[in-house]
């Protein structure tokens, strides 16, 4: 019980940086295109071209969304020649995304 009280007390004292990061994370997860991209990257890394083809999106759309996700450190990339391969960079957020998808599937 004391642990629950401590957790509640701590959650009421969020600093501005934490609030900003949390709100940006939920902003990232509020966009259907970004959810589709993150869901795809949960399983494996993909190039921008692969993501665009698999999800039937334009390359510029995919690049724009990946830049947004990379700035939040939700995805990372590696370069192989001239090709960038993107993969997940935050297992906590991927777990949250999977839980949200599972929750939606139950309704």
PDB file of N, CA and C in Angstrom:
ATOM      1  N   UNK A   1       0.817  -1.183   0.000  1.00  0.00           N
ATOM      2  CA  UNK A   1       0.000   0.000   0.000  1.00  0.00           C
ATOM      3  C   UNK A   1       0.864   1.251   0.000  1.00  0.00           C
ATOM      4  N   UNK A   2       1.918   1.277   0.811  1.00  0.00           N
ATOM      5  CA  UNK A   2       2.809   2.430   0.863  1.00  0.00           C
ATOM      6  C   UNK A   2       3.446   2.698  -0.500  1.00  0.00           C
ATOM      7  N   UNK A   3       3.769   1.625  -1.237  1.00  0.00           N
ATOM      8  CA  UNK A   3       4.363   1.780  -2.563  1.00  0.00           C
ATOM      9  C   UNK A   3       3.384   2.480  -3.506  1.00  0.00           C
ATOM     10  N   UNK A   4       2.088   2.127  -3.433  1.00  0.00           N
ATOM     11  CA  UNK A   4       1.084   2.777  -4.266  1.00  0.00           C
ATOM     12  C   UNK A   4       0.985   4.258  -3.939  1.00  0.00           C
ATOM     13  N   UNK A   5       1.010   4.603  -2.675  1.00  0.00           N
ATOM     14  CA  UNK A   5       0.947   6.007  -2.263  1.00  0.00           C
ATOM     15  C   UNK A   5       2.158   6.756  -2.796  1.00  0.00           C
ATOM     16  N   UNK A   6       3.333   6.161  -2.691  1.00  0.00           N
ATOM     17  CA  UNK A   6       4.554   6.788  -3.196  1.00  0.00           C
ATOM     18  C   UNK A   6       4.456   7.001  -4.696  1.00  0.00           C
ATOM     19  N   UNK A   7       3.958   6.008  -5.441  1.00  0.00           N
ATOM     20  CA  UNK A   7       3.815   6.142  -6.886  1.00  0.00           C
ATOM     21  C   UNK A   7       2.857   7.266  -7.243  1.00  0.00           C
ATOM     22  N   UNK A   8       1.756   7.398  -6.529  1.00  0.00           N
ATOM     23  CA  UNK A   8       0.795   8.467  -6.785  1.00  0.00           C
ATOM     24  C   UNK A   8       1.437   9.818  -6.492  1.00  0.00           C
ATOM     25  N   UNK A   9       2.147   9.910  -5.379  1.00  0.00           N
ATOM     26  CA  UNK A   9       2.810  11.161  -5.035  1.00  0.00           C
ATOM     27  C   UNK A   9       3.833  11.545  -6.086  1.00  0.00           C
ATOM     28  N   UNK A  10       4.609  10.583  -6.569  1.00  0.00           N
ATOM     29  CA  UNK A  10       5.614  10.862  -7.591  1.00  0.00           C
ATOM     30  C   UNK A  10       4.974  11.289  -8.901  1.00  0.00           C
ATOM     31  N   UNK A  11       3.843  10.710  -9.254  1.00  0.00           N
ATOM     32  CA  UNK A  11       3.209  11.046 -10.517  1.00  0.00           C
ATOM     33  C   UNK A  11       2.633  12.452 -10.510  1.00  0.00           C
ATOM     34  N   UNK A  12       2.384  13.001  -9.333  1.00  0.00           N
ATOM     35  CA  UNK A  12       1.837  14.349  -9.235  1.00  0.00           C
ATOM     36  C   UNK A  12       2.927  15.406  -9.339  1.00  0.00           C
ATOM     37  N   UNK A  13       4.168  15.027  -9.339  1.00  0.00           N
ATOM     38  CA  UNK A  13       5.279  15.968  -9.351  1.00  0.00           C
ATOM     39  C   UNK A  13       6.148  15.762 -10.585  1.00  0.00           C
ATOM     40  N   UNK A  14       5.530  15.755 -11.745  1.00  0.00           N
ATOM     41  CA  UNK A  14       6.278  15.577 -12.981  1.00  0.00           C
ATOM     42  C   UNK A  14       6.931  16.892 -13.381  1.00  0.00           C
ATOM     43  N   UNK A  15       8.197  16.814 -13.741  1.00  0.00           N
ATOM     44  CA  UNK A  15       8.874  18.019 -14.197  1.00  0.00           C
ATOM     45  C   UNK A  15       8.479  18.324 -15.638  1.00  0.00           C
ATOM     46  N   UNK A  16       8.772  19.520 -16.086  1.00  0.00           N
ATOM     47  CA  UNK A  16       8.358  19.974 -17.417  1.00  0.00           C
ATOM     48  C   UNK A  16       8.936  19.115 -18.532  1.00  0.00           C
ATOM     49  N   UNK A  17      10.179  18.703 -18.399  1.00  0.00           N
ATOM     50  CA  UNK A  17      10.818  17.874 -19.430  1.00  0.00           C
ATOM     51  C   UNK A  17      10.112  16.527 -19.559  1.00  0.00           C
ATOM     52  N   UNK A  18       9.800  15.898 -18.439  1.00  0.00           N
ATOM     53  CA  UNK A  18       9.091  14.616 -18.459  1.00  0.00           C
ATOM     54  C   UNK A  18       7.720  14.776 -19.093  1.00  0.00           C
ATOM     55  N   UNK A  19       7.010  15.818 -18.707  1.00  0.00           N
ATOM     56  CA  UNK A  19       5.691  16.078 -19.290  1.00  0.00           C
ATOM     57  C   UNK A  19       5.780  16.253 -20.803  1.00  0.00           C
ATOM     58  N   UNK A  20       6.793  16.978 -21.252  1.00  0.00           N
ATOM     59  CA  UNK A  20       6.961  17.216 -22.680  1.00  0.00           C
ATOM     60  C   UNK A  20       7.243  15.914 -23.425  1.00  0.00           C
ATOM     61  N   UNK A  21       8.158  15.108 -22.898  1.00  0.00           N
ATOM     62  CA  UNK A  21       8.517  13.844 -23.561  1.00  0.00           C
ATOM     63  C   UNK A  21       7.314  12.907 -23.617  1.00  0.00           C
ATOM     64  N   UNK A  22       6.583  12.799 -22.524  1.00  0.00           N
ATOM     65  CA  UNK A  22       5.397  11.930 -22.499  1.00  0.00           C
ATOM     66  C   UNK A  22       4.359  12.420 -23.505  1.00  0.00           C
ATOM     67  N   UNK A  23       4.114  13.714 -23.543  1.00  0.00           N
ATOM     68  CA  UNK A  23       3.111  14.236 -24.479  1.00  0.00           C
ATOM     69  C   UNK A  23       3.551  14.030 -25.921  1.00  0.00           C
ATOM     70  N   UNK A  24       4.841  14.185 -26.213  1.00  0.00           N
ATOM     71  CA  UNK A  24       5.334  13.949 -27.570  1.00  0.00           C
ATOM     72  C   UNK A  24       5.239  12.469 -27.943  1.00  0.00           C
ATOM     73  N   UNK A  25       5.469  11.597 -26.982  1.00  0.00           N
ATOM     74  CA  UNK A  25       5.346  10.165 -27.246  1.00  0.00           C
ATOM     75  C   UNK A  25       3.913   9.810 -27.606  1.00  0.00           C
ATOM     76  N   UNK A  26       2.958  10.333 -26.841  1.00  0.00           N
ATOM     77  CA  UNK A  26       1.564  10.063 -27.163  1.00  0.00           C
ATOM     78  C   UNK A  26       1.152  10.737 -28.467  1.00  0.00           C
ATOM     79  N   UNK A  27       1.757  11.871 -28.772  1.00  0.00           N
ATOM     80  CA  UNK A  27       1.500  12.518 -30.061  1.00  0.00           C
ATOM     81  C   UNK A  27       1.968  11.598 -31.192  1.00  0.00           C
ATOM     82  N   UNK A  28       3.138  10.997 -31.013  1.00  0.00           N
ATOM     83  CA  UNK A  28       3.658  10.074 -32.023  1.00  0.00           C
ATOM     84  C   UNK A  28       2.723   8.893 -32.219  1.00  0.00           C
ATOM     85  N   UNK A  29       2.156   8.412 -31.125  1.00  0.00           N
ATOM     86  CA  UNK A  29       1.268   7.253 -31.195  1.00  0.00           C
ATOM     87  C   UNK A  29      -0.162   7.622 -31.580  1.00  0.00           C
ATOM     88  N   UNK A  30      -0.431   8.899 -31.781  1.00  0.00           N
ATOM     89  CA  UNK A  30      -1.786   9.318 -32.138  1.00  0.00           C
ATOM     90  C   UNK A  30      -2.015   9.366 -33.645  1.00  0.00           C
ATOM     91  N   UNK A  31      -0.985   9.149 -34.416  1.00  0.00           N
ATOM     92  CA  UNK A  31      -1.091   9.233 -35.868  1.00  0.00           C
ATOM     93  C   UNK A  31      -1.137   7.835 -36.486  1.00  0.00           C
ATOM     94  N   UNK A  32      -2.175   7.528 -37.265  1.00  0.00           N
ATOM     95  CA  UNK A  32      -2.295   6.179 -37.852  1.00  0.00           C
ATOM     96  C   UNK A  32      -1.098   5.768 -38.711  1.00  0.00           C
ATOM     97  N   UNK A  33      -0.532   6.689 -39.463  1.00  0.00           N
ATOM     98  CA  UNK A  33       0.622   6.343 -40.299  1.00  0.00           C
ATOM     99  C   UNK A  33       1.823   5.972 -39.437  1.00  0.00           C
ATOM    100  N   UNK A  34       2.068   6.739 -38.394  1.00  0.00           N
ATOM    101  CA  UNK A  34       3.191   6.412 -37.514  1.00  0.00           C
ATOM    102  C   UNK A  34       2.962   5.091 -36.790  1.00  0.00           C
ATOM    103  N   UNK A  35       1.723   4.817 -36.405  1.00  0.00           N
ATOM    104  CA  UNK A  35       1.416   3.528 -35.771  1.00  0.00           C
ATOM    105  C   UNK A  35       1.714   2.385 -36.734  1.00  0.00           C
ATOM    106  N   UNK A  36       1.316   2.537 -37.986  1.00  0.00           N
ATOM    107  CA  UNK A  36       1.583   1.488 -38.987  1.00  0.00           C
ATOM    108  C   UNK A  36       3.080   1.264 -39.159  1.00  0.00           C
ATOM    109  N   UNK A  37       3.839   2.355 -39.209  1.00  0.00           N
ATOM    110  CA  UNK A  37       5.289   2.247 -39.374  1.00  0.00           C
ATOM    111  C   UNK A  37       5.917   1.578 -38.155  1.00  0.00           C
ATOM    112  N   UNK A  38       5.558   2.030 -36.972  1.00  0.00           N
ATOM    113  CA  UNK A  38       6.112   1.429 -35.751  1.00  0.00           C
ATOM    114  C   UNK A  38       5.742  -0.045 -35.635  1.00  0.00           C
ATOM    115  N   UNK A  39       4.516  -0.376 -35.967  1.00  0.00           N
ATOM    116  CA  UNK A  39       4.083  -1.771 -35.915  1.00  0.00           C
ATOM    117  C   UNK A  39       4.918  -2.628 -36.864  1.00  0.00           C
ATOM    118  N   UNK A  40       5.193  -2.114 -38.039  1.00  0.00           N
ATOM    119  CA  UNK A  40       6.029  -2.840 -38.998  1.00  0.00           C
ATOM    120  C   UNK A  40       7.448  -3.011 -38.463  1.00  0.00           C
ATOM    121  N   UNK A  41       7.976  -1.955 -37.834  1.00  0.00           N
ATOM    122  CA  UNK A  41       9.345  -2.005 -37.327  1.00  0.00           C
ATOM    123  C   UNK A  41       9.477  -2.807 -36.037  1.00  0.00           C
ATOM    124  N   UNK A  42       8.360  -3.152 -35.414  1.00  0.00           N
ATOM    125  CA  UNK A  42       8.408  -4.021 -34.226  1.00  0.00           C
ATOM    126  C   UNK A  42       9.031  -5.363 -34.573  1.00  0.00           C
ATOM    127  N   UNK A  43       8.759  -5.840 -35.784  1.00  0.00           N
ATOM    128  CA  UNK A  43       9.198  -7.175 -36.172  1.00  0.00           C
ATOM    129  C   UNK A  43      10.604  -7.198 -36.759  1.00  0.00           C
ATOM    130  N   UNK A  44      10.946  -6.182 -37.552  1.00  0.00           N
ATOM    131  CA  UNK A  44      12.225  -6.230 -38.258  1.00  0.00           C
ATOM    132  C   UNK A  44      12.567  -4.846 -38.785  1.00  0.00           C
ATOM    133  N   UNK A  45      13.825  -4.677 -39.168  1.00  0.00           N
ATOM    134  CA  UNK A  45      14.225  -3.410 -39.767  1.00  0.00           C
ATOM    135  C   UNK A  45      13.817  -3.392 -41.237  1.00  0.00           C
ATOM    136  N   UNK A  46      13.615  -2.182 -41.754  1.00  0.00           N
ATOM    137  CA  UNK A  46      13.217  -2.007 -43.150  1.00  0.00           C
ATOM    138  C   UNK A  46      13.800  -0.707 -43.685  1.00  0.00           C
ATOM    139  N   UNK A  47      14.031  -0.689 -44.981  1.00  0.00           N
ATOM    140  CA  UNK A  47      14.452   0.541 -45.629  1.00  0.00           C
ATOM    141  C   UNK A  47      13.223   1.418 -45.868  1.00  0.00           C
ATOM    142  N   UNK A  48      13.468   2.689 -46.173  1.00  0.00           N
ATOM    143  CA  UNK A  48      12.373   3.606 -46.478  1.00  0.00           C
ATOM    144  C   UNK A  48      11.563   3.061 -47.644  1.00  0.00           C
ATOM    145  N   UNK A  49      12.249   2.569 -48.682  1.00  0.00           N
ATOM    146  CA  UNK A  49      11.543   2.014 -49.853  1.00  0.00           C
ATOM    147  C   UNK A  49      10.667   0.827 -49.467  1.00  0.00           C
ATOM    148  N   UNK A  50      11.202  -0.061 -48.634  1.00  0.00           N
ATOM    149  CA  UNK A  50      10.425  -1.228 -48.184  1.00  0.00           C
ATOM    150  C   UNK A  50       9.185  -0.786 -47.423  1.00  0.00           C
ATOM    151  N   UNK A  51       9.358   0.154 -46.504  1.00  0.00           N
ATOM    152  CA  UNK A  51       8.222   0.624 -45.708  1.00  0.00           C
ATOM    153  C   UNK A  51       7.166   1.241 -46.619  1.00  0.00           C
ATOM    154  N   UNK A  52       7.608   2.071 -47.558  1.00  0.00           N
ATOM    155  CA  UNK A  52       6.675   2.717 -48.482  1.00  0.00           C
ATOM    156  C   UNK A  52       5.907   1.679 -49.295  1.00  0.00           C
ATOM    157  N   UNK A  53       6.608   0.679 -49.771  1.00  0.00           N
ATOM    158  CA  UNK A  53       5.972  -0.354 -50.588  1.00  0.00           C
ATOM    159  C   UNK A  53       5.021  -1.223 -49.763  1.00  0.00           C
ATOM    160  N   UNK A  54       5.480  -1.698 -48.624  1.00  0.00           N
ATOM    161  CA  UNK A  54       4.670  -2.585 -47.786  1.00  0.00           C
ATOM    162  C   UNK A  54       3.404  -1.887 -47.296  1.00  0.00           C
ATOM    163  N   UNK A  55       3.537  -0.613 -46.907  1.00  0.00           N
ATOM    164  CA  UNK A  55       2.399   0.117 -46.346  1.00  0.00           C
ATOM    165  C   UNK A  55       1.646   0.943 -47.384  1.00  0.00           C
ATOM    166  N   UNK A  56       2.090   0.869 -48.642  1.00  0.00           N
ATOM    167  CA  UNK A  56       1.456   1.604 -49.736  1.00  0.00           C
ATOM    168  C   UNK A  56       1.400   3.103 -49.433  1.00  0.00           C
ATOM    169  N   UNK A  57       2.575   3.646 -49.115  1.00  0.00           N
ATOM    170  CA  UNK A  57       2.718   5.066 -48.803  1.00  0.00           C
ATOM    171  C   UNK A  57       3.785   5.670 -49.708  1.00  0.00           C
ATOM    172  N   UNK A  58       3.750   6.972 -49.867  1.00  0.00           N
ATOM    173  CA  UNK A  58       4.788   7.661 -50.618  1.00  0.00           C
ATOM    174  C   UNK A  58       6.082   7.707 -49.829  1.00  0.00           C
ATOM    175  N   UNK A  59       7.208   7.699 -50.539  1.00  0.00           N
ATOM    176  CA  UNK A  59       8.506   7.740 -49.876  1.00  0.00           C
ATOM    177  C   UNK A  59       8.675   9.013 -49.053  1.00  0.00           C
ATOM    178  N   UNK A  60       8.175  10.130 -49.545  1.00  0.00           N
ATOM    179  CA  UNK A  60       8.323  11.383 -48.794  1.00  0.00           C
ATOM    180  C   UNK A  60       7.510  11.333 -47.504  1.00  0.00           C
ATOM    181  N   UNK A  61       6.343  10.705 -47.554  1.00  0.00           N
ATOM    182  CA  UNK A  61       5.527  10.547 -46.344  1.00  0.00           C
ATOM    183  C   UNK A  61       6.255   9.699 -45.321  1.00  0.00           C
ATOM    184  N   UNK A  62       6.807   8.591 -45.778  1.00  0.00           N
ATOM    185  CA  UNK A  62       7.538   7.690 -44.882  1.00  0.00           C
ATOM    186  C   UNK A  62       8.752   8.393 -44.302  1.00  0.00           C
ATOM    187  N   UNK A  63       9.502   9.085 -45.124  1.00  0.00           N
ATOM    188  CA  UNK A  63      10.698   9.789 -44.650  1.00  0.00           C
ATOM    189  C   UNK A  63      10.333  10.843 -43.613  1.00  0.00           C
ATOM    190  N   UNK A  64       9.280  11.580 -43.865  1.00  0.00           N
ATOM    191  CA  UNK A  64       8.834  12.611 -42.928  1.00  0.00           C
ATOM    192  C   UNK A  64       8.468  11.996 -41.579  1.00  0.00           C
ATOM    193  N   UNK A  65       7.697  10.915 -41.607  1.00  0.00           N
ATOM    194  CA  UNK A  65       7.270  10.268 -40.363  1.00  0.00           C
ATOM    195  C   UNK A  65       8.452   9.633 -39.637  1.00  0.00           C
ATOM    196  N   UNK A  66       9.370   9.033 -40.367  1.00  0.00           N
ATOM    197  CA  UNK A  66      10.548   8.439 -39.745  1.00  0.00           C
ATOM    198  C   UNK A  66      11.419   9.501 -39.089  1.00  0.00           C
ATOM    199  N   UNK A  67      11.526  10.660 -39.698  1.00  0.00           N
ATOM    200  CA  UNK A  67      12.299  11.758 -39.102  1.00  0.00           C
ATOM    201  C   UNK A  67      11.669  12.173 -37.767  1.00  0.00           C
ATOM    202  N   UNK A  68      10.333  12.281 -37.754  1.00  0.00           N
ATOM    203  CA  UNK A  68       9.614  12.614 -36.524  1.00  0.00           C
ATOM    204  C   UNK A  68       9.889  11.558 -35.450  1.00  0.00           C
ATOM    205  N   UNK A  69       9.775  10.291 -35.813  1.00  0.00           N
ATOM    206  CA  UNK A  69       9.987   9.196 -34.869  1.00  0.00           C
ATOM    207  C   UNK A  69      11.440   9.112 -34.404  1.00  0.00           C
ATOM    208  N   UNK A  70      12.369   9.401 -35.296  1.00  0.00           N
ATOM    209  CA  UNK A  70      13.790   9.378 -34.944  1.00  0.00           C
ATOM    210  C   UNK A  70      14.118  10.499 -33.956  1.00  0.00           C
ATOM    211  N   UNK A  71      13.533  11.662 -34.160  1.00  0.00           N
ATOM    212  CA  UNK A  71      13.768  12.785 -33.239  1.00  0.00           C
ATOM    213  C   UNK A  71      13.290  12.471 -31.829  1.00  0.00           C
ATOM    214  N   UNK A  72      12.290  11.617 -31.713  1.00  0.00           N
ATOM    215  CA  UNK A  72      11.792  11.188 -30.404  1.00  0.00           C
ATOM    216  C   UNK A  72      12.530   9.956 -29.890  1.00  0.00           C
ATOM    217  N   UNK A  73      13.484   9.478 -30.650  1.00  0.00           N
ATOM    218  CA  UNK A  73      14.270   8.282 -30.333  1.00  0.00           C
ATOM    219  C   UNK A  73      13.403   7.027 -30.206  1.00  0.00           C
ATOM    220  N   UNK A  74      12.365   6.970 -31.049  1.00  0.00           N
ATOM    221  CA  UNK A  74      11.520   5.776 -31.096  1.00  0.00           C
ATOM    222  C   UNK A  74      12.012   4.807 -32.159  1.00  0.00           C
ATOM    223  N   UNK A  75      12.721   5.344 -33.157  1.00  0.00           N
ATOM    224  CA  UNK A  75      13.349   4.509 -34.187  1.00  0.00           C
ATOM    225  C   UNK A  75      14.792   4.967 -34.359  1.00  0.00           C
ATOM    226  N   UNK A  76      15.593   4.085 -34.901  1.00  0.00           N
ATOM    227  CA  UNK A  76      16.991   4.388 -35.212  1.00  0.00           C
ATOM    228  C   UNK A  76      17.266   3.865 -36.617  1.00  0.00           C
ATOM    229  N   UNK A  77      18.407   4.238 -37.173  1.00  0.00           N
ATOM    230  CA  UNK A  77      18.739   3.744 -38.505  1.00  0.00           C
ATOM    231  C   UNK A  77      20.202   3.355 -38.572  1.00  0.00           C
ATOM    232  N   UNK A  78      20.463   2.545 -39.565  1.00  0.00           N
ATOM    233  CA  UNK A  78      21.851   2.224 -39.921  1.00  0.00           C
ATOM    234  C   UNK A  78      21.964   2.396 -41.423  1.00  0.00           C
ATOM    235  N   UNK A  79      23.128   2.794 -41.856  1.00  0.00           N
ATOM    236  CA  UNK A  79      23.365   3.041 -43.281  1.00  0.00           C
ATOM    237  C   UNK A  79      24.119   1.865 -43.883  1.00  0.00           C
ATOM    238  N   UNK A  80      23.637   1.434 -45.025  1.00  0.00           N
ATOM    239  CA  UNK A  80      24.341   0.413 -45.811  1.00  0.00           C
ATOM    240  C   UNK A  80      24.445   0.956 -47.229  1.00  0.00           C
ATOM    241  N   UNK A  81      25.606   1.476 -47.571  1.00  0.00           N
ATOM    242  CA  UNK A  81      25.762   2.162 -48.852  1.00  0.00           C
ATOM    243  C   UNK A  81      24.944   3.447 -48.822  1.00  0.00           C
ATOM    244  N   UNK A  82      24.022   3.569 -49.767  1.00  0.00           N
ATOM    245  CA  UNK A  82      23.160   4.758 -49.804  1.00  0.00           C
ATOM    246  C   UNK A  82      21.789   4.496 -49.187  1.00  0.00           C
ATOM    247  N   UNK A  83      21.591   3.291 -48.670  1.00  0.00           N
ATOM    248  CA  UNK A  83      20.287   2.915 -48.129  1.00  0.00           C
ATOM    249  C   UNK A  83      20.294   3.003 -46.606  1.00  0.00           C
ATOM    250  N   UNK A  84      19.226   3.595 -46.067  1.00  0.00           N
ATOM    251  CA  UNK A  84      19.034   3.662 -44.626  1.00  0.00           C
ATOM    252  C   UNK A  84      18.049   2.578 -44.214  1.00  0.00           C
ATOM    253  N   UNK A  85      18.404   1.813 -43.208  1.00  0.00           N
ATOM    254  CA  UNK A  85      17.529   0.780 -42.660  1.00  0.00           C
ATOM    255  C   UNK A  85      17.083   1.223 -41.270  1.00  0.00           C
ATOM    256  N   UNK A  86      15.785   1.302 -41.085  1.00  0.00           N
ATOM    257  CA  UNK A  86      15.212   1.754 -39.826  1.00  0.00           C
ATOM    258  C   UNK A  86      14.762   0.562 -38.991  1.00  0.00           C
ATOM    259  N   UNK A  87      14.887   0.728 -37.674  1.00  0.00           N
ATOM    260  CA  UNK A  87      14.430  -0.299 -36.731  1.00  0.00           C
ATOM    261  C   UNK A  87      13.950   0.396 -35.463  1.00  0.00           C
ATOM    262  N   UNK A  88      13.294  -0.357 -34.608  1.00  0.00           N
ATOM    263  CA  UNK A  88      12.800   0.195 -33.342  1.00  0.00           C
ATOM    264  C   UNK A  88      13.979   0.597 -32.467  1.00  0.00           C
ATOM    265  N   UNK A  89      13.758   1.623 -31.647  1.00  0.00           N
ATOM    266  CA  UNK A  89      14.820   2.081 -30.764  1.00  0.00           C
ATOM    267  C   UNK A  89      14.365   2.179 -29.313  1.00  0.00           C
ATOM    268  N   UNK A  90      13.098   1.834 -29.063  1.00  0.00           N
ATOM    269  CA  UNK A  90      12.591   1.955 -27.697  1.00  0.00           C
ATOM    270  C   UNK A  90      11.616   0.816 -27.424  1.00  0.00           C
ATOM    271  N   UNK A  91      12.103  -0.204 -26.748  1.00  0.00           N
ATOM    272  CA  UNK A  91      11.265  -1.372 -26.459  1.00  0.00           C
ATOM    273  C   UNK A  91      10.086  -1.028 -25.552  1.00  0.00           C
ATOM    274  N   UNK A  92      10.233  -0.028 -24.693  1.00  0.00           N
ATOM    275  CA  UNK A  92       9.123   0.369 -23.823  1.00  0.00           C
ATOM    276  C   UNK A  92       7.939   0.877 -24.650  1.00  0.00           C
ATOM    277  N   UNK A  93       8.220   1.716 -25.624  1.00  0.00           N
ATOM    278  CA  UNK A  93       7.150   2.267 -26.459  1.00  0.00           C
ATOM    279  C   UNK A  93       6.563   1.181 -27.347  1.00  0.00           C
ATOM    280  N   UNK A  94       7.388   0.287 -27.827  1.00  0.00           N
ATOM    281  CA  UNK A  94       6.875  -0.810 -28.651  1.00  0.00           C
ATOM    282  C   UNK A  94       5.956  -1.700 -27.829  1.00  0.00           C
ATOM    283  N   UNK A  95       6.293  -1.917 -26.580  1.00  0.00           N
ATOM    284  CA  UNK A  95       5.433  -2.690 -25.686  1.00  0.00           C
ATOM    285  C   UNK A  95       4.106  -1.967 -25.468  1.00  0.00           C
ATOM    286  N   UNK A  96       4.174  -0.665 -25.256  1.00  0.00           N
ATOM    287  CA  UNK A  96       2.962   0.137 -25.098  1.00  0.00           C
ATOM    288  C   UNK A  96       2.097   0.061 -26.350  1.00  0.00           C
ATOM    289  N   UNK A  97       2.719   0.162 -27.510  1.00  0.00           N
ATOM    290  CA  UNK A  97       1.994   0.065 -28.773  1.00  0.00           C
ATOM    291  C   UNK A  97       1.327  -1.303 -28.927  1.00  0.00           C
ATOM    292  N   UNK A  98       2.062  -2.363 -28.644  1.00  0.00           N
ATOM    293  CA  UNK A  98       1.494  -3.715 -28.739  1.00  0.00           C
ATOM    294  C   UNK A  98       0.316  -3.883 -27.788  1.00  0.00           C
ATOM    295  N   UNK A  99       0.441  -3.347 -26.573  1.00  0.00           N
ATOM    296  CA  UNK A  99      -0.658  -3.432 -25.612  1.00  0.00           C
ATOM    297  C   UNK A  99      -1.876  -2.667 -26.110  1.00  0.00           C
ATOM    298  N   UNK A 100      -1.672  -1.505 -26.698  1.00  0.00           N
ATOM    299  CA  UNK A 100      -2.779  -0.721 -27.226  1.00  0.00           C
ATOM    300  C   UNK A 100      -3.464  -1.450 -28.382  1.00  0.00           C
ATOM    301  N   UNK A 101      -2.670  -2.093 -29.232  1.00  0.00           N
ATOM    302  CA  UNK A 101      -3.232  -2.854 -30.357  1.00  0.00           C
ATOM    303  C   UNK A 101      -4.032  -4.048 -29.833  1.00  0.00           C
ATOM    304  N   UNK A 102      -3.467  -4.756 -28.853  1.00  0.00           N
ATOM    305  CA  UNK A 102      -4.186  -5.886 -28.247  1.00  0.00           C
ATOM    306  C   UNK A 102      -5.478  -5.426 -27.578  1.00  0.00           C
ATOM    307  N   UNK A 103      -5.428  -4.304 -26.894  1.00  0.00           N
ATOM    308  CA  UNK A 103      -6.616  -3.748 -26.246  1.00  0.00           C
ATOM    309  C   UNK A 103      -7.683  -3.425 -27.287  1.00  0.00           C
ATOM    310  N   UNK A 104      -7.291  -2.798 -28.389  1.00  0.00           N
ATOM    311  CA  UNK A 104      -8.249  -2.451 -29.435  1.00  0.00           C
ATOM    312  C   UNK A 104      -8.841  -3.688 -30.090  1.00  0.00           C
ATOM    313  N   UNK A 105      -8.040  -4.741 -30.211  1.00  0.00           N
ATOM    314  CA  UNK A 105      -8.512  -5.971 -30.844  1.00  0.00           C
ATOM    315  C   UNK A 105      -9.568  -6.693 -29.989  1.00  0.00           C
ATOM    316  N   UNK A 106      -9.551  -6.443 -28.690  1.00  0.00           N
ATOM    317  CA  UNK A 106     -10.512  -7.098 -27.789  1.00  0.00           C
ATOM    318  C   UNK A 106     -11.867  -6.421 -27.773  1.00  0.00           C
ATOM    319  N   UNK A 107     -11.957  -5.211 -28.299  1.00  0.00           N
ATOM    320  CA  UNK A 107     -13.226  -4.478 -28.279  1.00  0.00           C
ATOM    321  C   UNK A 107     -14.056  -4.738 -29.499  1.00  0.00           C
TER     322      UNK A 107
END
